[in-house]
Amino acid sequence: MTDSPARRRGRPGHDQGAVLTAAMRLFNERGYEATSMGDLAEALGITKSSIYHHVTGKQDLLRMAVDHALDGLQEAASFVLDMEAPAVERLETLIRRSVLVLADRLEFVTLLLRVRGNNGVEKEALNRRRVLDALATDLVKQAQADGDLRADVDPATAAKLLFGMVNSLTEWYRPKRGGATALADTVVTMAFEGLRVRRD
């Protein structure tokens, strides 16, 4: 079995993971378009030619970075799809696990949320995000049909607002030990107290 791309080693002192991390941070700080391979080489203290021992170019780095974020989110979606539980519980689990992925892969998710479809890599990332939006929308619809969520809320709008709440965490959340679980609990409570049907 071969190593994952992030673990393959090239020239001594710099593996692909180190190159990817440096690129992702520069993309977040300066923007993808404004970051050159020369900037990345300078940040790493190596020559541009050395970077090409690890990747084929800037879009390759962008692809690996956004894939790392999306793979985590899709793992959360796959877990939810395999659950045998009411739709509202699956939706809550999707939001909870999305928060945990964001906390664990914060810089990668931050970069993902900044892509706008300006190249093939970004367009594919947006398509993968739409699949997650569709899953959340379907779960809202099912939960409404089950009588667990308010029927006067548009499902697609509710899904976008739920993910919007999760995504807003990139603006201020800073990882700390044990903090992600409590944060996920808070997000779920805040979101679903307003969506759930009250059973007095």
Protein backbone atom coordinates (compact mmCIF):
# COMPACT_ATOMS: atom_id res chain seq x y z
CA MET A 1 0.00 0.00 0.00
CA THR A 2 1.39 3.45 -0.93
CA ASP A 3 1.54 6.42 1.40
CA SER A 4 -1.14 9.08 1.16
CA PRO A 5 -0.14 12.19 -0.81
CA ALA A 6 0.34 14.21 2.36
CA ARG A 7 2.85 11.63 3.66
CA ARG A 8 5.02 11.10 0.59
CA ARG A 9 8.48 12.45 1.12
CA GLY A 10 10.53 14.39 -1.36
CA ARG A 11 13.68 16.35 -0.64
CA PRO A 12 15.00 16.04 2.94
CA GLY A 13 13.44 18.42 5.43
CA HIS A 14 10.24 19.10 3.54
CA ASP A 15 7.52 16.53 2.97
CA GLN A 16 4.37 17.14 0.98
CA GLY A 17 2.37 17.79 4.13
CA ALA A 18 4.66 20.67 5.10
CA VAL A 19 4.39 22.18 1.63
CA LEU A 20 0.60 21.82 1.69
CA THR A 21 0.27 23.41 5.13
CA ALA A 22 2.43 26.36 4.15
CA ALA A 23 0.48 26.86 0.91
CA MET A 24 -2.88 26.64 2.65
CA ARG A 25 -1.85 29.30 5.17
CA LEU A 26 -0.59 31.62 2.45
CA PHE A 27 -3.78 31.11 0.44
CA ASN A 28 -5.81 32.07 3.51
CA GLU A 29 -3.64 35.10 4.32
CA ARG A 30 -3.14 36.53 0.82
CA GLY A 31 -5.74 34.82 -1.32
CA TYR A 32 -5.15 32.02 -3.79
CA GLU A 33 -4.77 34.23 -6.85
CA ALA A 34 -2.35 36.59 -5.09
CA THR A 35 -0.06 33.80 -3.88
CA SER A 36 2.74 32.68 -6.18
CA MET A 37 4.91 29.61 -6.07
CA GLY A 38 7.77 32.01 -5.38
CA ASP A 39 5.95 33.22 -2.26
CA LEU A 40 5.56 29.63 -1.14
CA ALA A 41 9.22 28.83 -1.78
CA GLU A 42 10.24 31.89 0.24
CA ALA A 43 7.98 30.91 3.14
CA LEU A 44 9.48 27.41 3.18
CA GLY A 45 13.05 28.61 2.68
CA ILE A 46 13.54 26.45 -0.41
CA THR A 47 13.77 26.99 -4.16
CA LYS A 48 10.71 26.89 -6.42
CA SER A 49 12.11 23.86 -8.22
CA SER A 50 12.19 22.00 -4.89
CA ILE A 51 8.42 22.42 -4.51
CA TYR A 52 7.84 20.53 -7.75
CA HIS A 53 9.32 17.43 -6.15
CA HIS A 54 6.10 17.31 -4.15
CA VAL A 55 3.34 18.79 -6.32
CA THR A 56 2.66 19.64 -9.95
CA GLY A 57 1.67 23.24 -9.28
CA LYS A 58 -0.48 25.72 -7.37
CA GLN A 59 -3.81 24.18 -8.40
CA ASP A 60 -2.58 20.81 -7.14
CA LEU A 61 -2.03 22.36 -3.72
CA LEU A 62 -5.44 24.01 -3.79
CA ARG A 63 -7.07 20.71 -4.71
CA MET A 64 -5.38 18.82 -1.87
CA ALA A 65 -6.28 21.53 0.64
CA VAL A 66 -9.98 21.76 -0.20
CA ASP A 67 -10.22 17.98 -0.58
CA HIS A 68 -8.94 17.58 2.98
CA ALA A 69 -11.80 19.75 4.22
CA LEU A 70 -14.42 18.17 1.97
CA ASP A 71 -13.35 14.61 2.75
CA GLY A 72 -13.99 15.25 6.44
CA LEU A 73 -17.41 16.72 5.73
CA GLN A 74 -18.32 13.85 3.43
CA GLU A 75 -17.30 11.36 6.09
CA ALA A 76 -19.78 13.09 8.38
CA ALA A 77 -22.45 12.85 5.67
CA SER A 78 -21.73 9.15 5.09
CA PHE A 79 -22.08 8.47 8.82
CA VAL A 80 -25.46 10.21 8.84
CA LEU A 81 -26.68 8.32 5.77
CA ASP A 82 -25.88 5.02 7.52
CA MET A 83 -27.76 5.96 10.69
CA GLU A 84 -31.03 4.27 11.55
CA ALA A 85 -32.71 7.17 13.28
CA PRO A 86 -35.40 9.80 12.67
CA ALA A 87 -34.47 12.48 10.16
CA VAL A 88 -34.26 15.18 12.81
CA GLU A 89 -31.66 13.19 14.75
CA ARG A 90 -29.67 12.57 11.59
CA LEU A 91 -29.78 16.28 10.78
CA GLU A 92 -28.60 17.20 14.26
CA THR A 93 -25.77 14.66 13.92
CA LEU A 94 -24.78 16.12 10.54
CA ILE A 95 -24.50 19.61 12.03
CA ARG A 96 -22.69 18.37 15.14
CA ARG A 97 -20.15 16.41 13.11
CA SER A 98 -19.67 19.30 10.69
CA VAL A 99 -18.69 21.50 13.64
CA LEU A 100 -16.19 18.87 14.79
CA VAL A 101 -14.68 18.63 11.30
CA LEU A 102 -14.38 22.41 11.12
CA ALA A 103 -12.66 22.53 14.51
CA ASP A 104 -10.26 19.75 13.53
CA ARG A 105 -9.47 21.11 10.04
CA LEU A 106 -10.09 24.79 10.69
CA GLU A 107 -7.61 26.33 8.24
CA PHE A 108 -8.58 23.91 5.48
CA VAL A 109 -12.30 24.57 5.92
CA THR A 110 -11.59 28.31 6.01
CA LEU A 111 -9.91 28.02 2.61
CA LEU A 112 -12.76 25.87 1.27
CA LEU A 113 -15.30 28.54 2.18
CA ARG A 114 -13.36 31.14 0.18
CA VAL A 115 -13.43 29.36 -3.16
CA ARG A 116 -15.71 30.97 -5.73
CA GLY A 117 -15.50 28.69 -8.77
CA ASN A 118 -12.72 30.59 -10.53
CA ASN A 119 -11.03 27.43 -11.84
CA GLY A 120 -11.74 23.74 -12.29
CA VAL A 121 -10.62 22.82 -8.78
CA GLU A 122 -12.87 25.45 -7.22
CA LYS A 123 -15.85 24.45 -9.39
CA GLU A 124 -15.49 20.82 -8.32
CA ALA A 125 -15.28 21.89 -4.67
CA LEU A 126 -18.49 23.89 -5.02
CA ASN A 127 -20.21 20.89 -6.60
CA ARG A 128 -19.19 18.71 -3.66
CA ARG A 129 -20.52 21.34 -1.22
CA ARG A 130 -23.85 21.37 -3.07
CA VAL A 131 -24.21 17.64 -2.40
CA LEU A 132 -23.93 18.35 1.33
CA ASP A 133 -26.46 21.17 1.06
CA ALA A 134 -28.86 18.83 -0.73
CA LEU A 135 -28.49 16.20 2.00
CA ALA A 136 -29.30 18.74 4.71
CA THR A 137 -32.27 20.03 2.71
CA ASP A 138 -33.65 16.50 2.29
CA LEU A 139 -33.27 15.83 6.00
CA VAL A 140 -35.16 19.01 6.85
CA LYS A 141 -37.98 17.94 4.50
CA GLN A 142 -38.13 14.47 6.06
CA ALA A 143 -38.14 15.87 9.58
CA GLN A 144 -40.95 18.26 8.65
CA ALA A 145 -42.94 15.36 7.20
CA ASP A 146 -42.35 13.46 10.45
CA GLY A 147 -43.74 16.41 12.39
CA ASP A 148 -40.45 17.06 14.21
CA LEU A 149 -39.51 20.36 12.56
CA ARG A 150 -41.63 23.40 11.87
CA ALA A 151 -43.44 23.19 8.54
CA ASP A 152 -43.45 26.96 8.00
CA VAL A 153 -39.70 27.06 7.27
CA ASP A 154 -38.38 26.57 3.73
CA PRO A 155 -36.15 23.43 3.81
CA ALA A 156 -33.42 24.80 1.50
CA THR A 157 -33.27 28.06 3.46
CA ALA A 158 -33.10 26.18 6.75
CA ALA A 159 -30.24 24.02 5.43
CA LYS A 160 -28.29 27.07 4.26
CA LEU A 161 -28.80 28.81 7.59
CA LEU A 162 -27.68 25.74 9.52
CA PHE A 163 -24.48 25.44 7.52
CA GLY A 164 -24.11 29.22 7.64
CA MET A 165 -24.03 29.04 11.42
CA VAL A 166 -21.40 26.31 11.28
CA ASN A 167 -19.32 28.11 8.67
CA SER A 168 -19.35 31.38 10.63
CA LEU A 169 -17.17 29.68 13.24
CA THR A 170 -14.16 30.12 10.94
CA GLU A 171 -14.31 33.85 11.68
CA TRP A 172 -13.67 33.58 15.39
CA TYR A 173 -13.20 30.01 16.67
CA ARG A 174 -9.74 29.13 17.97
CA PRO A 175 -9.10 25.48 18.83
CA LYS A 176 -8.60 24.51 22.45
CA ARG A 177 -8.53 21.17 24.23
CA GLY A 178 -12.04 19.81 24.73
CA GLY A 179 -13.61 22.91 23.25
CA ALA A 180 -14.96 21.46 20.01
CA THR A 181 -17.46 19.09 21.63
CA ALA A 182 -18.95 21.81 23.81
CA LEU A 183 -19.06 24.12 20.81
CA ALA A 184 -20.91 21.50 18.74
CA ASP A 185 -23.43 21.07 21.56
CA THR A 186 -24.02 24.82 21.67
CA VAL A 187 -24.49 25.12 17.90
CA VAL A 188 -27.00 22.26 17.83
CA THR A 189 -28.94 23.67 20.79
CA MET A 190 -29.07 27.17 19.33
CA ALA A 191 -30.10 25.94 15.90
CA PHE A 192 -32.70 23.34 16.74
CA GLU A 193 -34.45 25.05 19.63
CA GLY A 194 -35.88 27.38 17.01
CA LEU A 195 -36.62 24.68 14.43
CA ARG A 196 -38.12 21.91 16.50
CA VAL A 197 -41.85 21.55 16.95
CA ARG A 198 -42.71 22.21 20.58
CA ARG A 199 -44.60 19.37 22.21
CA ASP A 200 -46.27 20.78 25.30
